[in-house]
Amino acid sequence: MTNEQHITRRQAMKIAGTTGAVYFLAPALTVSSAAPAFAATAGASAARLTPELTEGPYWVNTMLHRSNVVGNSHGGRLQQGVPLKLYINVFEAATKKAMNGLAVDIWHANAHGLYSDESSQQAGGGTDSSAGDTISDNWLRGYQITGKDRGLRTRPLHGQVSFRTIWPGWYTGRAIHIHVRVRKLHSSGATIAGYTTQIFFSDADNTHVLTTAAPYNARSPQSDPTTDQSDTVLTRGDFATNIVSVKGTVGKGYTAVFNIAAAIAEVDAAGSLSRPSGGGTGGPGGAPPNS
């Protein structure tokens, strides 16, 4: 287990007598009566509690406050891939009220299955392990604040953040995914509490992107060898909440909406989040936390 301080399933069960719920410790958290800004792609299961899924070994607390994560914060070449506009709504499940003032981080692999800010990693599929040293990069990482940052919008919307990124690439042992952390930040920048889940795409959408678009189609095999059904983290019970539908085309890019339904609970969880012990050499992610 990493040195992160987060609310576990066991703690949630102890407090609420239920499983799979999302909990936040959020002092001064604003819960808006305005409904979350759901796009047309938001599913009917919007109010269903979103499960906690493992953060994996590639979390880095970069504190990059930005909506466009395609490049490095210090400039240089942008990551190549199919454009993806990602909208994330965070709301209280019971009332469907938007939750403002929460930091929402995303991080994911590039088209070649590599994460930034890692000293070594093995993406598989013919990727040269020497290319795994990305320690000087921070692409495809960043966070926005719900209800405060406008992201890709012309103005902030209650409970929503948005990012400009690319379709993730695959790496050995995991289906294609995007990590999401929701947390309350102290004025000093320290994390008060955090919760992590993952976004997935349908196998059909993944296959279409990987086999028809560069640079994904230059890899071998082209299709993601790990499907949603065979992923070690995603379970069939999570399909309705964690697999998103997309709109768009390979040529023009895609738009996706991910809804996080949360339940607020009074839980003591203090401390900051840092790179997990052994970071930079981790494997494909492992099983969800269960303790």
Protein backbone atom coordinates (compact mmCIF):
# COMPACT_ATOMS: atom_id res chain seq x y z
CA MET A 1 0.00 0.00 0.00
CA THR A 2 1.30 3.49 -0.78
CA ASN A 3 1.88 6.33 1.66
CA GLU A 4 -1.21 8.17 0.44
CA GLN A 5 -3.84 9.16 2.99
CA HIS A 6 -7.21 8.32 1.52
CA ILE A 7 -10.61 7.07 2.52
CA THR A 8 -10.73 3.34 1.98
CA ARG A 9 -13.62 1.01 1.27
CA ARG A 10 -13.38 -0.38 4.80
CA GLN A 11 -13.69 3.10 6.32
CA ALA A 12 -16.65 3.83 4.10
CA MET A 13 -18.36 0.60 5.12
CA LYS A 14 -17.79 1.38 8.79
CA ILE A 15 -19.35 4.82 8.47
CA ALA A 16 -22.25 4.20 6.13
CA GLY A 17 -22.77 0.47 6.13
CA THR A 18 -22.49 0.32 2.35
CA THR A 19 -19.90 -0.46 -0.31
CA GLY A 20 -18.61 1.22 -3.41
CA ALA A 21 -19.42 4.75 -2.21
CA VAL A 22 -17.37 7.84 -2.80
CA TYR A 23 -16.53 9.95 0.26
CA PHE A 24 -14.84 13.34 0.61
CA LEU A 25 -13.59 15.23 3.62
CA ALA A 26 -14.26 18.73 2.38
CA PRO A 27 -14.14 21.55 4.93
CA ALA A 28 -15.79 24.68 3.49
CA LEU A 29 -16.94 22.65 0.52
CA THR A 30 -19.62 24.42 -1.49
CA VAL A 31 -22.58 22.30 -2.55
CA SER A 32 -24.47 24.25 -5.20
CA SER A 33 -28.18 23.92 -5.77
CA ALA A 34 -27.46 24.29 -9.46
CA ALA A 35 -27.56 21.00 -11.32
CA PRO A 36 -24.27 19.67 -12.70
CA ALA A 37 -23.63 20.65 -16.29
CA PHE A 38 -24.30 17.28 -17.87
CA ALA A 39 -23.61 17.01 -21.57
CA ALA A 40 -25.69 14.89 -23.90
CA THR A 41 -23.33 11.96 -23.36
CA ALA A 42 -24.01 11.76 -19.63
CA GLY A 43 -25.54 8.37 -18.84
CA ALA A 44 -28.79 7.60 -17.11
CA SER A 45 -26.82 6.11 -14.18
CA ALA A 46 -25.54 9.57 -13.21
CA ALA A 47 -26.68 9.31 -9.58
CA ARG A 48 -25.18 5.88 -9.01
CA LEU A 49 -22.28 6.00 -6.56
CA THR A 50 -18.93 5.93 -8.32
CA PRO A 51 -16.52 3.25 -7.03
CA GLU A 52 -13.04 3.93 -5.75
CA LEU A 53 -10.37 2.35 -7.97
CA THR A 54 -6.62 2.11 -7.37
CA GLU A 55 -4.34 5.06 -8.07
CA GLY A 56 -1.69 2.75 -9.57
CA PRO A 57 2.06 3.31 -9.41
CA TYR A 58 2.27 6.37 -11.66
CA TRP A 59 0.67 9.04 -9.48
CA VAL A 60 2.89 12.11 -9.05
CA ASN A 61 1.77 15.16 -7.11
CA THR A 62 2.88 17.63 -9.80
CA MET A 63 0.41 20.36 -8.70
CA LEU A 64 0.02 21.48 -12.32
CA HIS A 65 -3.02 23.76 -12.33
CA ARG A 66 -4.03 23.65 -15.99
CA SER A 67 -6.73 22.39 -18.34
CA ASN A 68 -4.55 21.70 -21.40
CA VAL A 69 -2.31 18.78 -20.45
CA VAL A 70 -1.09 17.78 -23.92
CA GLY A 71 2.41 19.24 -23.47
CA ASN A 72 5.05 19.89 -20.81
CA SER A 73 4.60 22.89 -18.56
CA HIS A 74 8.11 23.99 -19.59
CA GLY A 75 7.37 23.81 -23.31
CA GLY A 76 8.68 21.46 -25.97
CA ARG A 77 6.96 18.99 -28.23
CA LEU A 78 3.29 18.22 -27.69
CA GLN A 79 2.11 14.64 -27.26
CA GLN A 80 0.76 13.24 -30.51
CA GLY A 81 -2.56 11.42 -30.60
CA VAL A 82 -6.28 11.70 -31.21
CA PRO A 83 -7.58 14.84 -29.45
CA LEU A 84 -9.87 14.23 -26.48
CA LYS A 85 -11.96 16.84 -24.66
CA LEU A 86 -12.78 15.44 -21.23
CA TYR A 87 -15.53 16.90 -19.02
CA ILE A 88 -15.83 15.66 -15.43
CA ASN A 89 -18.87 16.41 -13.23
CA VAL A 90 -18.66 15.95 -9.45
CA PHE A 91 -21.95 15.94 -7.57
CA GLU A 92 -23.62 14.63 -4.44
CA ALA A 93 -25.45 11.44 -5.33
CA ALA A 94 -28.39 11.85 -2.96
CA THR A 95 -29.36 15.36 -4.06
CA LYS A 96 -27.58 15.62 -7.42
CA LYS A 97 -26.20 18.96 -6.25
CA ALA A 98 -22.90 20.04 -7.77
CA MET A 99 -19.84 20.01 -5.50
CA ASN A 100 -17.59 23.05 -5.94
CA GLY A 101 -14.09 23.76 -4.65
CA LEU A 102 -12.61 20.31 -5.23
CA ALA A 103 -9.37 19.72 -7.11
CA VAL A 104 -9.72 17.10 -9.84
CA ASP A 105 -6.44 15.64 -11.13
CA ILE A 106 -6.03 13.49 -14.22
CA TRP A 107 -3.00 11.53 -15.41
CA HIS A 108 -2.62 8.87 -18.08
CA ALA A 109 -0.29 7.19 -20.56
CA ASN A 110 0.61 8.68 -23.94
CA ALA A 111 -0.01 7.01 -27.30
CA HIS A 112 2.99 4.73 -26.71
CA GLY A 113 1.81 3.57 -23.29
CA LEU A 114 4.24 5.70 -21.28
CA TYR A 115 3.65 8.03 -18.34
CA SER A 116 5.55 11.26 -17.79
CA ASP A 117 7.72 11.96 -14.73
CA GLU A 118 8.92 8.37 -14.38
CA SER A 119 12.54 7.20 -14.28
CA SER A 120 11.74 3.81 -15.80
CA GLN A 121 8.72 1.86 -16.98
CA GLN A 122 7.89 -0.97 -19.34
CA ALA A 123 4.92 -0.33 -21.55
CA GLY A 124 5.17 -3.58 -23.51
CA GLY A 125 4.19 -4.13 -27.11
CA GLY A 126 7.67 -3.58 -28.44
CA THR A 127 8.27 -0.32 -26.59
CA ASP A 128 11.97 0.10 -25.88
CA SER A 129 12.46 0.20 -22.10
CA SER A 130 15.11 2.89 -22.58
CA ALA A 131 12.30 5.19 -23.73
CA GLY A 132 10.69 4.79 -20.31
CA ASP A 133 12.81 7.53 -18.73
CA THR A 134 10.43 10.48 -18.76
CA ILE A 135 11.51 11.99 -15.45
CA SER A 136 12.02 15.46 -16.94
CA ASP A 137 8.52 15.57 -18.47
CA ASN A 138 5.08 16.30 -17.02
CA TRP A 139 2.75 15.93 -20.02
CA LEU A 140 -0.72 14.43 -19.59
CA ARG A 141 -0.91 15.54 -15.97
CA GLY A 142 -2.85 18.40 -14.40
CA TYR A 143 -5.76 19.48 -12.23
CA GLN A 144 -8.69 21.90 -12.24
CA ILE A 145 -11.03 23.17 -9.49
CA THR A 146 -14.75 22.39 -9.73
CA GLY A 147 -16.93 25.46 -9.99
CA LYS A 148 -13.91 27.77 -10.15
CA ASP A 149 -11.94 26.96 -13.32
CA ARG A 150 -13.59 27.38 -16.69
CA GLY A 151 -11.38 24.80 -18.38
CA LEU A 152 -12.63 24.38 -21.95
CA ARG A 153 -15.76 26.43 -21.25
CA THR A 154 -16.19 30.19 -21.58
CA ARG A 155 -17.02 30.37 -17.87
CA PRO A 156 -16.86 28.08 -14.83
CA LEU A 157 -19.76 25.68 -14.31
CA HIS A 158 -20.94 24.28 -10.98
CA GLY A 159 -19.34 20.96 -10.16
CA GLN A 160 -17.44 20.65 -13.43
CA VAL A 161 -13.85 20.60 -14.65
CA SER A 162 -12.61 19.97 -18.17
CA PHE A 163 -9.37 19.04 -19.89
CA ARG A 164 -7.84 19.03 -23.33
CA THR A 165 -5.83 15.84 -23.72
CA ILE A 166 -5.36 12.88 -26.11
CA TRP A 167 -6.72 9.36 -26.27
CA PRO A 168 -4.49 7.24 -23.99
CA GLY A 169 -2.34 4.42 -25.33
CA TRP A 170 -2.21 0.91 -23.91
CA TYR A 171 0.44 -0.76 -21.80
CA THR A 172 0.88 -4.34 -20.68
CA GLY A 173 -1.64 -5.71 -18.22
CA ARG A 174 -4.17 -2.87 -18.25
CA ALA A 175 -7.07 -1.80 -20.43
CA ILE A 176 -6.84 1.79 -21.67
CA HIS A 177 -7.76 4.20 -18.87
CA ILE A 178 -7.40 7.66 -17.36
CA HIS A 179 -6.72 8.10 -13.65
CA VAL A 180 -8.82 10.66 -11.76
CA ARG A 181 -8.20 11.95 -8.25
CA VAL A 182 -10.67 14.20 -6.45
CA ARG A 183 -9.28 16.00 -3.43
CA LYS A 184 -9.69 18.97 -1.14
CA LEU A 185 -6.60 21.18 -1.02
CA HIS A 186 -5.49 23.22 1.95
CA SER A 187 -4.46 26.83 1.31
CA SER A 188 -0.86 25.65 1.70
CA GLY A 189 -1.33 23.20 -1.15
CA ALA A 190 -1.37 20.13 1.08
CA THR A 191 -4.05 17.53 0.46
CA ILE A 192 -6.68 17.25 3.17
CA ALA A 193 -8.37 14.15 1.74
CA GLY A 194 -8.45 12.31 -1.52
CA TYR A 195 -10.37 9.77 -3.55
CA THR A 196 -9.27 8.06 -6.76
CA THR A 197 -11.06 6.32 -9.61
CA GLN A 198 -10.43 5.56 -13.29
CA ILE A 199 -12.12 6.32 -16.61
CA PHE A 200 -12.41 3.60 -19.26
CA PHE A 201 -13.58 3.51 -22.87
CA SER A 202 -15.40 0.74 -24.72
CA ASP A 203 -13.26 -1.94 -26.35
CA ALA A 204 -14.79 -1.04 -29.71
CA ASP A 205 -13.81 2.62 -29.38
CA ASN A 206 -10.30 1.69 -28.26
CA THR A 207 -9.81 -0.68 -31.17
CA HIS A 208 -11.05 1.89 -33.67
CA VAL A 209 -8.60 4.53 -32.44
CA LEU A 210 -5.63 2.19 -32.12
CA THR A 211 -6.01 0.66 -35.58
CA THR A 212 -6.89 3.74 -37.61
CA ALA A 213 -4.95 6.66 -36.13
CA ALA A 214 -1.28 7.56 -35.84
CA PRO A 215 0.84 7.07 -33.83
CA TYR A 216 -1.20 4.30 -32.20
CA ASN A 217 -1.36 2.17 -35.36
CA ALA A 218 2.43 2.04 -35.58
CA ARG A 219 2.57 -0.16 -32.49
CA SER A 220 2.36 -3.93 -32.49
CA PRO A 221 -0.08 -5.29 -31.62
CA GLN A 222 -2.26 -2.36 -32.60
CA SER A 223 -5.28 -3.30 -30.52
CA ASP A 224 -5.11 -3.14 -26.75
CA PRO A 225 -4.28 -6.70 -25.66
CA THR A 226 -6.12 -6.18 -22.36
CA THR A 227 -9.85 -5.58 -22.76
CA ASP A 228 -12.27 -4.02 -20.32
CA GLN A 229 -13.52 -7.51 -19.54
CA SER A 230 -10.03 -8.81 -18.72
CA ASP A 231 -8.69 -5.74 -16.91
CA THR A 232 -7.40 -6.43 -13.38
CA VAL A 233 -8.96 -3.28 -11.88
CA LEU A 234 -12.26 -2.76 -13.68
CA THR A 235 -15.03 -5.18 -12.73
CA ARG A 236 -18.30 -5.81 -14.53
CA GLY A 237 -20.05 -4.03 -11.71
CA ASP A 238 -18.12 -0.87 -12.60
CA PHE A 239 -19.00 -0.87 -16.31
CA ALA A 240 -22.04 1.40 -15.90
CA THR A 241 -20.19 3.99 -13.84
CA ASN A 242 -16.65 3.96 -15.25
CA ILE A 243 -16.88 3.24 -18.99
CA VAL A 244 -17.72 6.43 -20.85
CA SER A 245 -19.26 6.89 -24.26
CA VAL A 246 -17.65 9.32 -26.68
CA LYS A 247 -18.79 11.59 -29.50
CA GLY A 248 -16.69 12.64 -32.45
CA THR A 249 -14.31 11.15 -34.99
CA VAL A 250 -10.68 10.11 -35.19
CA GLY A 251 -9.97 12.99 -37.55
CA LYS A 252 -11.61 15.75 -35.53
CA GLY A 253 -11.20 14.30 -32.06
CA TYR A 254 -13.59 13.07 -29.38
CA THR A 255 -15.56 14.45 -26.45
CA ALA A 256 -16.28 12.42 -23.32
CA VAL A 257 -18.21 13.15 -20.11
CA PHE A 258 -17.47 11.37 -16.84
CA ASN A 259 -19.81 11.74 -13.86
CA ILE A 260 -18.63 11.23 -10.30
CA ALA A 261 -21.48 10.68 -7.86
CA ALA A 262 -20.33 11.29 -4.29
CA ALA A 263 -21.66 10.94 -0.76
CA ILE A 264 -20.36 13.37 1.87
CA ALA A 265 -19.27 11.92 5.20
CA GLU A 266 -17.44 13.23 8.27
CA VAL A 267 -14.14 11.39 8.07
CA ASP A 268 -10.77 12.38 9.56
CA ALA A 269 -8.03 11.99 6.93
CA ALA A 270 -5.07 14.33 7.09
CA GLY A 271 -1.74 14.46 5.28
CA SER A 272 -0.21 15.13 1.90
CA LEU A 273 0.03 12.91 -1.15
CA SER A 274 3.43 12.21 -2.68
CA ARG A 275 4.94 9.75 -5.14
CA PRO A 276 4.18 6.21 -3.94
CA SER A 277 7.10 4.27 -2.49
CA GLY A 278 8.90 2.58 -5.35
CA GLY A 279 7.48 5.13 -7.80
CA GLY A 280 9.02 5.11 -11.24
CA THR A 281 9.40 1.36 -11.39
CA GLY A 282 5.84 0.24 -10.83
CA GLY A 283 3.84 -2.29 -12.76
CA PRO A 284 0.45 -2.08 -14.40
CA GLY A 285 -1.57 -0.93 -11.42
CA GLY A 286 -2.61 -3.86 -9.28
CA ALA A 287 -5.90 -4.53 -7.56
CA PRO A 288 -8.21 -1.95 -6.00
CA PRO A 289 -7.47 -1.04 -2.35
CA ASN A 290 -9.36 -3.23 0.08
CA SER A 291 -8.03 -2.21 3.47
